[in-house]
């Protein structure tokens, strides 16, 4: 009986470790979004995460909500500086998230300011 309980506990720990590893390291997609950076803020009570919103048009449906991992200090500082400007974001989409990582499955890896070109023709 003791051997069976030990085996079940080891299997559960292995499955949990595999799940956490998969969620953290596996990416579902990679891509780019551009638009006006509307918001970047630090949220949370216990786990402080950086969350942002990119507006790609006038309706709420055209807003892209994203998270930034706390270890990406350079990206966070760039986003703070570029708030209100048009930016191009490079992101990865994960299969899931954890409380300490952010509210969304989209994580920003790079940010660049975009010069807006107005075409009057």
PDB file of N, CA and C in Angstrom:
ATOM      1  N   UNK A   1       0.819  -1.197   0.000  1.00  0.00           N
ATOM      2  CA  UNK A   1       0.000   0.000   0.000  1.00  0.00           C
ATOM      3  C   UNK A   1       0.862   1.259   0.000  1.00  0.00           C
ATOM      4  N   UNK A   2       1.921   1.244   0.786  1.00  0.00           N
ATOM      5  CA  UNK A   2       2.819   2.394   0.861  1.00  0.00           C
ATOM      6  C   UNK A   2       3.504   2.640  -0.483  1.00  0.00           C
ATOM      7  N   UNK A   3       3.868   1.556  -1.166  1.00  0.00           N
ATOM      8  CA  UNK A   3       4.533   1.661  -2.469  1.00  0.00           C
ATOM      9  C   UNK A   3       3.577   2.265  -3.506  1.00  0.00           C
ATOM     10  N   UNK A   4       2.295   1.897  -3.452  1.00  0.00           N
ATOM     11  CA  UNK A   4       1.322   2.417  -4.410  1.00  0.00           C
ATOM     12  C   UNK A   4       1.095   3.920  -4.181  1.00  0.00           C
ATOM     13  N   UNK A   5       1.002   4.349  -2.951  1.00  0.00           N
ATOM     14  CA  UNK A   5       0.814   5.776  -2.648  1.00  0.00           C
ATOM     15  C   UNK A   5       2.028   6.574  -3.118  1.00  0.00           C
ATOM     16  N   UNK A   6       3.219   6.047  -2.877  1.00  0.00           N
ATOM     17  CA  UNK A   6       4.442   6.711  -3.333  1.00  0.00           C
ATOM     18  C   UNK A   6       4.454   6.825  -4.856  1.00  0.00           C
ATOM     19  N   UNK A   7       4.067   5.759  -5.538  1.00  0.00           N
ATOM     20  CA  UNK A   7       4.029   5.772  -7.005  1.00  0.00           C
ATOM     21  C   UNK A   7       3.024   6.811  -7.518  1.00  0.00           C
ATOM     22  N   UNK A   8       1.850   6.878  -6.907  1.00  0.00           N
ATOM     23  CA  UNK A   8       0.821   7.847  -7.319  1.00  0.00           C
ATOM     24  C   UNK A   8       1.328   9.274  -7.107  1.00  0.00           C
ATOM     25  N   UNK A   9       1.974   9.529  -5.985  1.00  0.00           N
ATOM     26  CA  UNK A   9       2.505  10.868  -5.708  1.00  0.00           C
ATOM     27  C   UNK A   9       3.585  11.239  -6.711  1.00  0.00           C
ATOM     28  N   UNK A  10       4.467  10.319  -7.031  1.00  0.00           N
ATOM     29  CA  UNK A  10       5.532  10.586  -8.016  1.00  0.00           C
ATOM     30  C   UNK A  10       4.932  10.871  -9.382  1.00  0.00           C
ATOM     31  N   UNK A  11       3.927  10.092  -9.776  1.00  0.00           N
ATOM     32  CA  UNK A  11       3.282  10.313 -11.081  1.00  0.00           C
ATOM     33  C   UNK A  11       2.593  11.679 -11.107  1.00  0.00           C
ATOM     34  N   UNK A  12       1.897  12.044 -10.030  1.00  0.00           N
ATOM     35  CA  UNK A  12       1.231  13.349  -9.974  1.00  0.00           C
ATOM     36  C   UNK A  12       2.241  14.496 -10.055  1.00  0.00           C
ATOM     37  N   UNK A  13       3.346  14.376  -9.354  1.00  0.00           N
ATOM     38  CA  UNK A  13       4.386  15.405  -9.410  1.00  0.00           C
ATOM     39  C   UNK A  13       4.969  15.502 -10.809  1.00  0.00           C
ATOM     40  N   UNK A  14       5.195  14.368 -11.473  1.00  0.00           N
ATOM     41  CA  UNK A  14       5.735  14.364 -12.835  1.00  0.00           C
ATOM     42  C   UNK A  14       4.762  15.015 -13.815  1.00  0.00           C
ATOM     43  N   UNK A  15       3.474  14.706 -13.683  1.00  0.00           N
ATOM     44  CA  UNK A  15       2.464  15.291 -14.575  1.00  0.00           C
ATOM     45  C   UNK A  15       2.364  16.797 -14.347  1.00  0.00           C
ATOM     46  N   UNK A  16       2.353  17.223 -13.097  1.00  0.00           N
ATOM     47  CA  UNK A  16       2.286  18.648 -12.781  1.00  0.00           C
ATOM     48  C   UNK A  16       3.513  19.394 -13.307  1.00  0.00           C
ATOM     49  N   UNK A  17       4.679  18.809 -13.143  1.00  0.00           N
ATOM     50  CA  UNK A  17       5.909  19.416 -13.658  1.00  0.00           C
ATOM     51  C   UNK A  17       5.879  19.519 -15.177  1.00  0.00           C
ATOM     52  N   UNK A  18       5.420  18.473 -15.842  1.00  0.00           N
ATOM     53  CA  UNK A  18       5.317  18.498 -17.308  1.00  0.00           C
ATOM     54  C   UNK A  18       4.327  19.574 -17.764  1.00  0.00           C
ATOM     55  N   UNK A  19       3.197  19.702 -17.075  1.00  0.00           N
ATOM     56  CA  UNK A  19       2.190  20.706 -17.429  1.00  0.00           C
ATOM     57  C   UNK A  19       2.746  22.118 -17.278  1.00  0.00           C
ATOM     58  N   UNK A  20       3.389  22.394 -16.146  1.00  0.00           N
ATOM     59  CA  UNK A  20       3.949  23.723 -15.910  1.00  0.00           C
ATOM     60  C   UNK A  20       5.034  24.038 -16.936  1.00  0.00           C
ATOM     61  N   UNK A  21       5.884  23.077 -17.218  1.00  0.00           N
ATOM     62  CA  UNK A  21       6.939  23.270 -18.214  1.00  0.00           C
ATOM     63  C   UNK A  21       6.345  23.546 -19.594  1.00  0.00           C
ATOM     64  N   UNK A  22       5.324  22.802 -19.969  1.00  0.00           N
ATOM     65  CA  UNK A  22       4.687  22.987 -21.275  1.00  0.00           C
ATOM     66  C   UNK A  22       4.054  24.368 -21.372  1.00  0.00           C
ATOM     67  N   UNK A  23       3.295  24.776 -20.370  1.00  0.00           N
ATOM     68  CA  UNK A  23       2.631  26.084 -20.400  1.00  0.00           C
ATOM     69  C   UNK A  23       3.650  27.210 -20.478  1.00  0.00           C
ATOM     70  N   UNK A  24       4.756  27.082 -19.758  1.00  0.00           N
ATOM     71  CA  UNK A  24       5.728  28.167 -19.713  1.00  0.00           C
ATOM     72  C   UNK A  24       6.592  28.236 -20.969  1.00  0.00           C
ATOM     73  N   UNK A  25       7.036  27.111 -21.488  1.00  0.00           N
ATOM     74  CA  UNK A  25       8.006  27.131 -22.583  1.00  0.00           C
ATOM     75  C   UNK A  25       7.404  26.940 -23.973  1.00  0.00           C
ATOM     76  N   UNK A  26       6.270  26.287 -24.099  1.00  0.00           N
ATOM     77  CA  UNK A  26       5.684  26.046 -25.422  1.00  0.00           C
ATOM     78  C   UNK A  26       4.920  27.284 -25.881  1.00  0.00           C
ATOM     79  N   UNK A  27       5.114  27.674 -27.129  1.00  0.00           N
ATOM     80  CA  UNK A  27       4.379  28.815 -27.677  1.00  0.00           C
ATOM     81  C   UNK A  27       3.398  28.322 -28.738  1.00  0.00           C
ATOM     82  N   UNK A  28       2.212  28.885 -28.701  1.00  0.00           N
ATOM     83  CA  UNK A  28       1.180  28.545 -29.662  1.00  0.00           C
ATOM     84  C   UNK A  28       1.380  29.310 -30.960  1.00  0.00           C
ATOM     85  N   UNK A  29       1.723  30.593 -30.838  1.00  0.00           N
ATOM     86  CA  UNK A  29       1.958  31.401 -32.035  1.00  0.00           C
ATOM     87  C   UNK A  29       2.904  32.545 -31.708  1.00  0.00           C
ATOM     88  N   UNK A  30       3.467  33.127 -32.754  1.00  0.00           N
ATOM     89  CA  UNK A  30       4.292  34.323 -32.656  1.00  0.00           C
ATOM     90  C   UNK A  30       3.771  35.303 -33.687  1.00  0.00           C
ATOM     91  N   UNK A  31       3.870  36.584 -33.379  1.00  0.00           N
ATOM     92  CA  UNK A  31       3.370  37.540 -34.347  1.00  0.00           C
ATOM     93  C   UNK A  31       3.688  38.970 -33.992  1.00  0.00           C
ATOM     94  N   UNK A  32       3.073  39.858 -34.766  1.00  0.00           N
ATOM     95  CA  UNK A  32       3.285  41.293 -34.616  1.00  0.00           C
ATOM     96  C   UNK A  32       1.931  41.977 -34.599  1.00  0.00           C
ATOM     97  N   UNK A  33       1.822  43.022 -33.813  1.00  0.00           N
ATOM     98  CA  UNK A  33       0.635  43.875 -33.810  1.00  0.00           C
ATOM     99  C   UNK A  33       1.122  45.306 -33.777  1.00  0.00           C
ATOM    100  N   UNK A  34       0.403  46.165 -34.468  1.00  0.00           N
ATOM    101  CA  UNK A  34       0.747  47.579 -34.409  1.00  0.00           C
ATOM    102  C   UNK A  34      -0.517  48.388 -34.165  1.00  0.00           C
ATOM    103  N   UNK A  35      -0.335  49.508 -33.517  1.00  0.00           N
ATOM    104  CA  UNK A  35      -1.443  50.388 -33.190  1.00  0.00           C
ATOM    105  C   UNK A  35      -0.991  51.387 -32.146  1.00  0.00           C
ATOM    106  N   UNK A  36      -1.947  52.082 -31.595  1.00  0.00           N
ATOM    107  CA  UNK A  36      -1.643  53.105 -30.590  1.00  0.00           C
ATOM    108  C   UNK A  36      -1.619  52.456 -29.207  1.00  0.00           C
ATOM    109  N   UNK A  37      -0.530  52.656 -28.497  1.00  0.00           N
ATOM    110  CA  UNK A  37      -0.393  52.117 -27.151  1.00  0.00           C
ATOM    111  C   UNK A  37      -1.241  52.947 -26.201  1.00  0.00           C
ATOM    112  N   UNK A  38      -2.338  52.372 -25.744  1.00  0.00           N
ATOM    113  CA  UNK A  38      -3.301  53.085 -24.921  1.00  0.00           C
ATOM    114  C   UNK A  38      -2.938  53.004 -23.445  1.00  0.00           C
ATOM    115  N   UNK A  39      -2.511  51.823 -22.982  1.00  0.00           N
ATOM    116  CA  UNK A  39      -2.315  51.642 -21.554  1.00  0.00           C
ATOM    117  C   UNK A  39      -1.195  50.663 -21.267  1.00  0.00           C
ATOM    118  N   UNK A  40      -0.417  50.969 -20.243  1.00  0.00           N
ATOM    119  CA  UNK A  40       0.531  50.027 -19.656  1.00  0.00           C
ATOM    120  C   UNK A  40       0.485  50.265 -18.147  1.00  0.00           C
ATOM    121  N   UNK A  41       0.175  49.232 -17.401  1.00  0.00           N
ATOM    122  CA  UNK A  41       0.043  49.411 -15.952  1.00  0.00           C
ATOM    123  C   UNK A  41       0.437  48.140 -15.222  1.00  0.00           C
ATOM    124  N   UNK A  42       0.840  48.332 -13.980  1.00  0.00           N
ATOM    125  CA  UNK A  42       1.161  47.202 -13.122  1.00  0.00           C
ATOM    126  C   UNK A  42      -0.062  46.899 -12.273  1.00  0.00           C
ATOM    127  N   UNK A  43      -0.505  45.640 -12.301  1.00  0.00           N
ATOM    128  CA  UNK A  43      -1.738  45.261 -11.626  1.00  0.00           C
ATOM    129  C   UNK A  43      -1.495  44.095 -10.691  1.00  0.00           C
ATOM    130  N   UNK A  44      -2.398  43.947  -9.741  1.00  0.00           N
ATOM    131  CA  UNK A  44      -2.383  42.796  -8.863  1.00  0.00           C
ATOM    132  C   UNK A  44      -2.184  43.159  -7.409  1.00  0.00           C
ATOM    133  N   UNK A  45      -2.612  42.265  -6.535  1.00  0.00           N
ATOM    134  CA  UNK A  45      -2.451  42.472  -5.099  1.00  0.00           C
ATOM    135  C   UNK A  45      -1.252  41.675  -4.608  1.00  0.00           C
ATOM    136  N   UNK A  46      -1.258  40.389  -4.835  1.00  0.00           N
ATOM    137  CA  UNK A  46      -0.146  39.540  -4.397  1.00  0.00           C
ATOM    138  C   UNK A  46       0.902  39.447  -5.497  1.00  0.00           C
ATOM    139  N   UNK A  47       0.464  39.105  -6.699  1.00  0.00           N
ATOM    140  CA  UNK A  47       1.361  38.993  -7.844  1.00  0.00           C
ATOM    141  C   UNK A  47       1.203  40.230  -8.715  1.00  0.00           C
ATOM    142  N   UNK A  48       2.203  41.087  -8.761  1.00  0.00           N
ATOM    143  CA  UNK A  48       2.180  42.295  -9.583  1.00  0.00           C
ATOM    144  C   UNK A  48       2.596  41.923 -11.004  1.00  0.00           C
ATOM    145  N   UNK A  49       1.714  42.174 -11.953  1.00  0.00           N
ATOM    146  CA  UNK A  49       2.016  41.884 -13.349  1.00  0.00           C
ATOM    147  C   UNK A  49       1.826  43.139 -14.182  1.00  0.00           C
ATOM    148  N   UNK A  50       2.518  43.216 -15.305  1.00  0.00           N
ATOM    149  CA  UNK A  50       2.404  44.351 -16.217  1.00  0.00           C
ATOM    150  C   UNK A  50       1.427  43.986 -17.322  1.00  0.00           C
ATOM    151  N   UNK A  51       0.391  44.799 -17.468  1.00  0.00           N
ATOM    152  CA  UNK A  51      -0.666  44.577 -18.457  1.00  0.00           C
ATOM    153  C   UNK A  51      -0.804  45.820 -19.332  1.00  0.00           C
ATOM    154  N   UNK A  52      -1.146  45.610 -20.595  1.00  0.00           N
ATOM    155  CA  UNK A  52      -1.287  46.739 -21.499  1.00  0.00           C
ATOM    156  C   UNK A  52      -2.385  46.532 -22.518  1.00  0.00           C
ATOM    157  N   UNK A  53      -2.706  47.621 -23.201  1.00  0.00           N
ATOM    158  CA  UNK A  53      -3.728  47.607 -24.246  1.00  0.00           C
ATOM    159  C   UNK A  53      -3.216  48.384 -25.450  1.00  0.00           C
ATOM    160  N   UNK A  54      -3.395  47.786 -26.615  1.00  0.00           N
ATOM    161  CA  UNK A  54      -3.031  48.402 -27.883  1.00  0.00           C
ATOM    162  C   UNK A  54      -4.311  48.616 -28.672  1.00  0.00           C
ATOM    163  N   UNK A  55      -4.579  49.855 -29.087  1.00  0.00           N
ATOM    164  CA  UNK A  55      -5.775  50.161 -29.865  1.00  0.00           C
ATOM    165  C   UNK A  55      -5.443  50.050 -31.347  1.00  0.00           C
ATOM    166  N   UNK A  56      -6.223  49.223 -32.047  1.00  0.00           N
ATOM    167  CA  UNK A  56      -6.029  49.043 -33.485  1.00  0.00           C
ATOM    168  C   UNK A  56      -7.192  49.625 -34.280  1.00  0.00           C
ATOM    169  N   UNK A  57      -8.007  50.416 -33.638  1.00  0.00           N
ATOM    170  CA  UNK A  57      -9.159  51.022 -34.286  1.00  0.00           C
ATOM    171  C   UNK A  57     -10.042  51.686 -33.251  1.00  0.00           C
ATOM    172  N   UNK A  58     -11.252  52.047 -33.666  1.00  0.00           N
ATOM    173  CA  UNK A  58     -12.124  52.809 -32.784  1.00  0.00           C
ATOM    174  C   UNK A  58     -13.003  51.949 -31.877  1.00  0.00           C
ATOM    175  N   UNK A  59     -13.233  50.701 -32.212  1.00  0.00           N
ATOM    176  CA  UNK A  59     -14.129  49.884 -31.393  1.00  0.00           C
ATOM    177  C   UNK A  59     -13.339  49.065 -30.371  1.00  0.00           C
ATOM    178  N   UNK A  60     -14.049  48.593 -29.351  1.00  0.00           N
ATOM    179  CA  UNK A  60     -13.419  47.759 -28.325  1.00  0.00           C
ATOM    180  C   UNK A  60     -12.947  46.420 -28.893  1.00  0.00           C
ATOM    181  N   UNK A  61     -13.575  45.966 -29.969  1.00  0.00           N
ATOM    182  CA  UNK A  61     -13.186  44.702 -30.589  1.00  0.00           C
ATOM    183  C   UNK A  61     -11.794  44.775 -31.209  1.00  0.00           C
ATOM    184  N   UNK A  62     -11.342  45.970 -31.506  1.00  0.00           N
ATOM    185  CA  UNK A  62     -10.041  46.142 -32.133  1.00  0.00           C
ATOM    186  C   UNK A  62      -8.957  46.500 -31.123  1.00  0.00           C
ATOM    187  N   UNK A  63      -9.144  46.105 -29.887  1.00  0.00           N
ATOM    188  CA  UNK A  63      -8.126  46.329 -28.868  1.00  0.00           C
ATOM    189  C   UNK A  63      -7.402  45.021 -28.578  1.00  0.00           C
ATOM    190  N   UNK A  64      -6.093  45.115 -28.462  1.00  0.00           N
ATOM    191  CA  UNK A  64      -5.245  43.962 -28.194  1.00  0.00           C
ATOM    192  C   UNK A  64      -4.727  44.087 -26.765  1.00  0.00           C
ATOM    193  N   UNK A  65      -5.122  43.153 -25.915  1.00  0.00           N
ATOM    194  CA  UNK A  65      -4.691  43.152 -24.526  1.00  0.00           C
ATOM    195  C   UNK A  65      -3.498  42.212 -24.396  1.00  0.00           C
ATOM    196  N   UNK A  66      -2.485  42.642 -23.679  1.00  0.00           N
ATOM    197  CA  UNK A  66      -1.259  41.862 -23.574  1.00  0.00           C
ATOM    198  C   UNK A  66      -0.641  41.967 -22.194  1.00  0.00           C
ATOM    199  N   UNK A  67       0.309  41.099 -21.925  1.00  0.00           N
ATOM    200  CA  UNK A  67       1.068  41.098 -20.678  1.00  0.00           C
ATOM    201  C   UNK A  67       2.544  41.199 -21.014  1.00  0.00           C
ATOM    202  N   UNK A  68       3.324  41.637 -20.034  1.00  0.00           N
ATOM    203  CA  UNK A  68       4.778  41.683 -20.164  1.00  0.00           C
ATOM    204  C   UNK A  68       5.348  41.004 -18.932  1.00  0.00           C
ATOM    205  N   UNK A  69       6.223  40.045 -19.147  1.00  0.00           N
ATOM    206  CA  UNK A  69       6.838  39.375 -18.009  1.00  0.00           C
ATOM    207  C   UNK A  69       7.742  40.354 -17.265  1.00  0.00           C
ATOM    208  N   UNK A  70       7.752  40.250 -15.957  1.00  0.00           N
ATOM    209  CA  UNK A  70       8.521  41.162 -15.114  1.00  0.00           C
ATOM    210  C   UNK A  70      10.013  41.158 -15.394  1.00  0.00           C
ATOM    211  N   UNK A  71      10.537  40.061 -15.936  1.00  0.00           N
ATOM    212  CA  UNK A  71      11.970  39.986 -16.224  1.00  0.00           C
ATOM    213  C   UNK A  71      12.357  40.823 -17.446  1.00  0.00           C
ATOM    214  N   UNK A  72      11.388  41.244 -18.250  1.00  0.00           N
ATOM    215  CA  UNK A  72      11.652  42.066 -19.439  1.00  0.00           C
ATOM    216  C   UNK A  72      11.622  43.548 -19.081  1.00  0.00           C
ATOM    217  N   UNK A  73      12.549  43.967 -18.232  1.00  0.00           N
ATOM    218  CA  UNK A  73      12.592  45.355 -17.734  1.00  0.00           C
ATOM    219  C   UNK A  73      12.735  46.366 -18.866  1.00  0.00           C
ATOM    220  N   UNK A  74      13.546  46.044 -19.873  1.00  0.00           N
ATOM    221  CA  UNK A  74      13.773  46.963 -20.995  1.00  0.00           C
ATOM    222  C   UNK A  74      12.474  47.212 -21.767  1.00  0.00           C
ATOM    223  N   UNK A  75      11.707  46.147 -22.022  1.00  0.00           N
ATOM    224  CA  UNK A  75      10.435  46.275 -22.738  1.00  0.00           C
ATOM    225  C   UNK A  75       9.439  47.104 -21.914  1.00  0.00           C
ATOM    226  N   UNK A  76       9.394  46.861 -20.610  1.00  0.00           N
ATOM    227  CA  UNK A  76       8.486  47.619 -19.735  1.00  0.00           C
ATOM    228  C   UNK A  76       8.822  49.102 -19.778  1.00  0.00           C
ATOM    229  N   UNK A  77      10.095  49.430 -19.687  1.00  0.00           N
ATOM    230  CA  UNK A  77      10.502  50.845 -19.736  1.00  0.00           C
ATOM    231  C   UNK A  77      10.183  51.477 -21.084  1.00  0.00           C
ATOM    232  N   UNK A  78      10.388  50.745 -22.180  1.00  0.00           N
ATOM    233  CA  UNK A  78      10.053  51.270 -23.508  1.00  0.00           C
ATOM    234  C   UNK A  78       8.549  51.532 -23.604  1.00  0.00           C
ATOM    235  N   UNK A  79       7.748  50.607 -23.120  1.00  0.00           N
ATOM    236  CA  UNK A  79       6.293  50.789 -23.174  1.00  0.00           C
ATOM    237  C   UNK A  79       5.856  51.986 -22.356  1.00  0.00           C
ATOM    238  N   UNK A  80       6.448  52.189 -21.194  1.00  0.00           N
ATOM    239  CA  UNK A  80       6.114  53.365 -20.382  1.00  0.00           C
ATOM    240  C   UNK A  80       6.412  54.652 -21.148  1.00  0.00           C
ATOM    241  N   UNK A  81       7.549  54.671 -21.830  1.00  0.00           N
ATOM    242  CA  UNK A  81       7.970  55.853 -22.580  1.00  0.00           C
ATOM    243  C   UNK A  81       7.094  56.099 -23.809  1.00  0.00           C
ATOM    244  N   UNK A  82       6.657  55.039 -24.459  1.00  0.00           N
ATOM    245  CA  UNK A  82       5.934  55.157 -25.731  1.00  0.00           C
ATOM    246  C   UNK A  82       4.415  55.194 -25.581  1.00  0.00           C
ATOM    247  N   UNK A  83       3.893  55.273 -24.387  1.00  0.00           N
ATOM    248  CA  UNK A  83       2.444  55.306 -24.196  1.00  0.00           C
ATOM    249  C   UNK A  83       1.846  56.495 -24.947  1.00  0.00           C
ATOM    250  N   UNK A  84       0.781  56.231 -25.692  1.00  0.00           N
ATOM    251  CA  UNK A  84       0.121  57.271 -26.476  1.00  0.00           C
ATOM    252  C   UNK A  84       0.647  57.367 -27.899  1.00  0.00           C
ATOM    253  N   UNK A  85       1.684  56.638 -28.214  1.00  0.00           N
ATOM    254  CA  UNK A  85       2.274  56.660 -29.562  1.00  0.00           C
ATOM    255  C   UNK A  85       1.939  55.381 -30.319  1.00  0.00           C
ATOM    256  N   UNK A  86       2.211  55.402 -31.614  1.00  0.00           N
ATOM    257  CA  UNK A  86       1.995  54.227 -32.436  1.00  0.00           C
ATOM    258  C   UNK A  86       3.230  53.332 -32.352  1.00  0.00           C
ATOM    259  N   UNK A  87       2.984  52.065 -32.021  1.00  0.00           N
ATOM    260  CA  UNK A  87       4.079  51.121 -31.822  1.00  0.00           C
ATOM    261  C   UNK A  87       3.810  49.822 -32.572  1.00  0.00           C
ATOM    262  N   UNK A  88       4.878  49.065 -32.772  1.00  0.00           N
ATOM    263  CA  UNK A  88       4.795  47.715 -33.326  1.00  0.00           C
ATOM    264  C   UNK A  88       5.286  46.769 -32.246  1.00  0.00           C
ATOM    265  N   UNK A  89       4.440  45.811 -31.852  1.00  0.00           N
ATOM    266  CA  UNK A  89       4.774  44.876 -30.795  1.00  0.00           C
ATOM    267  C   UNK A  89       5.057  43.498 -31.376  1.00  0.00           C
ATOM    268  N   UNK A  90       6.112  42.887 -30.914  1.00  0.00           N
ATOM    269  CA  UNK A  90       6.404  41.496 -31.234  1.00  0.00           C
ATOM    270  C   UNK A  90       5.966  40.680 -30.031  1.00  0.00           C
ATOM    271  N   UNK A  91       5.149  39.653 -30.274  1.00  0.00           N
ATOM    272  CA  UNK A  91       4.601  38.904 -29.153  1.00  0.00           C
ATOM    273  C   UNK A  91       4.650  37.403 -29.402  1.00  0.00           C
ATOM    274  N   UNK A  92       4.510  36.663 -28.306  1.00  0.00           N
ATOM    275  CA  UNK A  92       4.269  35.223 -28.398  1.00  0.00           C
ATOM    276  C   UNK A  92       2.961  34.935 -27.687  1.00  0.00           C
ATOM    277  N   UNK A  93       2.263  33.922 -28.158  1.00  0.00           N
ATOM    278  CA  UNK A  93       1.038  33.476 -27.505  1.00  0.00           C
ATOM    279  C   UNK A  93       1.302  32.108 -26.900  1.00  0.00           C
ATOM    280  N   UNK A  94       1.032  31.992 -25.629  1.00  0.00           N
ATOM    281  CA  UNK A  94       1.219  30.715 -24.942  1.00  0.00           C
ATOM    282  C   UNK A  94      -0.125  29.997 -24.848  1.00  0.00           C
ATOM    283  N   UNK A  95      -0.069  28.709 -24.542  1.00  0.00           N
ATOM    284  CA  UNK A  95      -1.293  27.915 -24.404  1.00  0.00           C
ATOM    285  C   UNK A  95      -2.094  28.315 -23.171  1.00  0.00           C
ATOM    286  N   UNK A  96      -1.434  28.851 -22.167  1.00  0.00           N
ATOM    287  CA  UNK A  96      -2.099  29.249 -20.933  1.00  0.00           C
ATOM    288  C   UNK A  96      -1.230  30.229 -20.171  1.00  0.00           C
ATOM    289  N   UNK A  97      -1.639  30.545 -18.953  1.00  0.00           N
ATOM    290  CA  UNK A  97      -0.886  31.482 -18.137  1.00  0.00           C
ATOM    291  C   UNK A  97      -0.980  31.068 -16.669  1.00  0.00           C
ATOM    292  N   UNK A  98      -0.178  31.689 -15.861  1.00  0.00           N
ATOM    293  CA  UNK A  98      -0.210  31.484 -14.419  1.00  0.00           C
ATOM    294  C   UNK A  98      -0.440  32.838 -13.750  1.00  0.00           C
ATOM    295  N   UNK A  99      -0.895  32.827 -12.513  1.00  0.00           N
ATOM    296  CA  UNK A  99      -1.201  34.071 -11.795  1.00  0.00           C
ATOM    297  C   UNK A  99      -0.022  35.031 -11.747  1.00  0.00           C
ATOM    298  N   UNK A 100       1.170  34.506 -11.600  1.00  0.00           N
ATOM    299  CA  UNK A 100       2.344  35.356 -11.440  1.00  0.00           C
ATOM    300  C   UNK A 100       2.926  35.835 -12.764  1.00  0.00           C
ATOM    301  N   UNK A 101       2.374  35.387 -13.894  1.00  0.00           N
ATOM    302  CA  UNK A 101       2.906  35.781 -15.200  1.00  0.00           C
ATOM    303  C   UNK A 101       2.108  36.882 -15.871  1.00  0.00           C
ATOM    304  N   UNK A 102       0.806  36.924 -15.668  1.00  0.00           N
ATOM    305  CA  UNK A 102      -0.007  37.942 -16.323  1.00  0.00           C
ATOM    306  C   UNK A 102      -1.432  37.486 -16.526  1.00  0.00           C
ATOM    307  N   UNK A 103      -2.278  38.404 -16.983  1.00  0.00           N
ATOM    308  CA  UNK A 103      -3.696  38.117 -17.177  1.00  0.00           C
ATOM    309  C   UNK A 103      -4.017  37.514 -18.538  1.00  0.00           C
ATOM    310  N   UNK A 104      -3.141  37.713 -19.511  1.00  0.00           N
ATOM    311  CA  UNK A 104      -3.432  37.250 -20.869  1.00  0.00           C
ATOM    312  C   UNK A 104      -2.463  36.150 -21.277  1.00  0.00           C
ATOM    313  N   UNK A 105      -2.719  35.565 -22.451  1.00  0.00           N
ATOM    314  CA  UNK A 105      -1.815  34.564 -23.012  1.00  0.00           C
ATOM    315  C   UNK A 105      -0.812  35.196 -23.979  1.00  0.00           C
ATOM    316  N   UNK A 106      -0.900  36.510 -24.190  1.00  0.00           N
ATOM    317  CA  UNK A 106      -0.029  37.217 -25.129  1.00  0.00           C
ATOM    318  C   UNK A 106       1.067  37.945 -24.362  1.00  0.00           C
ATOM    319  N   UNK A 107       2.319  37.636 -24.667  1.00  0.00           N
ATOM    320  CA  UNK A 107       3.457  38.212 -23.955  1.00  0.00           C
ATOM    321  C   UNK A 107       4.347  38.964 -24.932  1.00  0.00           C
ATOM    322  N   UNK A 108       4.612  40.229 -24.622  1.00  0.00           N
ATOM    323  CA  UNK A 108       5.399  41.092 -25.494  1.00  0.00           C
ATOM    324  C   UNK A 108       6.879  40.792 -25.312  1.00  0.00           C
ATOM    325  N   UNK A 109       7.570  40.624 -26.425  1.00  0.00           N
ATOM    326  CA  UNK A 109       9.003  40.345 -26.410  1.00  0.00           C
ATOM    327  C   UNK A 109       9.828  41.526 -26.904  1.00  0.00           C
ATOM    328  N   UNK A 110       9.214  42.380 -27.750  1.00  0.00           N
ATOM    329  CA  UNK A 110       9.935  43.520 -28.318  1.00  0.00           C
ATOM    330  C   UNK A 110       8.944  44.606 -28.684  1.00  0.00           C
ATOM    331  N   UNK A 111       9.378  45.851 -28.585  1.00  0.00           N
ATOM    332  CA  UNK A 111       8.524  46.986 -28.946  1.00  0.00           C
ATOM    333  C   UNK A 111       9.350  47.977 -29.747  1.00  0.00           C
ATOM    334  N   UNK A 112       8.738  48.505 -30.811  1.00  0.00           N
ATOM    335  CA  UNK A 112       9.389  49.526 -31.646  1.00  0.00           C
ATOM    336  C   UNK A 112       8.380  50.627 -31.927  1.00  0.00           C
ATOM    337  N   UNK A 113       8.869  51.853 -31.927  1.00  0.00           N
ATOM    338  CA  UNK A 113       8.005  52.976 -32.288  1.00  0.00           C
ATOM    339  C   UNK A 113       7.870  53.014 -33.802  1.00  0.00           C
ATOM    340  N   UNK A 114       6.651  53.324 -34.269  1.00  0.00           N
ATOM    341  CA  UNK A 114       6.365  53.387 -35.698  1.00  0.00           C
ATOM    342  C   UNK A 114       6.064  54.835 -36.053  1.00  0.00           C
ATOM    343  N   UNK A 115       6.697  55.324 -37.093  1.00  0.00           N
ATOM    344  CA  UNK A 115       6.377  56.658 -37.586  1.00  0.00           C
ATOM    345  C   UNK A 115       5.079  56.578 -38.360  1.00  0.00           C
ATOM    346  N   UNK A 116       4.091  57.350 -37.944  1.00  0.00           N
ATOM    347  CA  UNK A 116       2.806  57.346 -38.622  1.00  0.00           C
ATOM    348  C   UNK A 116       2.931  58.079 -39.953  1.00  0.00           C
ATOM    349  N   UNK A 117       2.446  57.447 -41.000  1.00  0.00           N
ATOM    350  CA  UNK A 117       2.436  58.064 -42.328  1.00  0.00           C
ATOM    351  C   UNK A 117       0.983  58.346 -42.688  1.00  0.00           C
ATOM    352  N   UNK A 118       0.692  59.609 -42.885  1.00  0.00           N
ATOM    353  CA  UNK A 118      -0.682  59.997 -43.235  1.00  0.00           C
ATOM    354  C   UNK A 118      -0.754  60.181 -44.743  1.00  0.00           C
ATOM    355  N   UNK A 119      -1.623  59.415 -45.365  1.00  0.00           N
ATOM    356  CA  UNK A 119      -1.814  59.482 -46.811  1.00  0.00           C
ATOM    357  C   UNK A 119      -3.093  60.276 -47.087  1.00  0.00           C
ATOM    358  N   UNK A 120      -2.960  61.456 -47.651  1.00  0.00           N
ATOM    359  CA  UNK A 120      -4.118  62.318 -47.908  1.00  0.00           C
ATOM    360  C   UNK A 120      -4.728  62.081 -49.284  1.00  0.00           C
ATOM    361  N   UNK A 121      -4.195  61.157 -50.040  1.00  0.00           N
ATOM    362  CA  UNK A 121      -4.739  60.903 -51.396  1.00  0.00           C
ATOM    363  C   UNK A 121      -5.956  60.034 -51.342  1.00  0.00           C
TER     364      UNK A 121
END
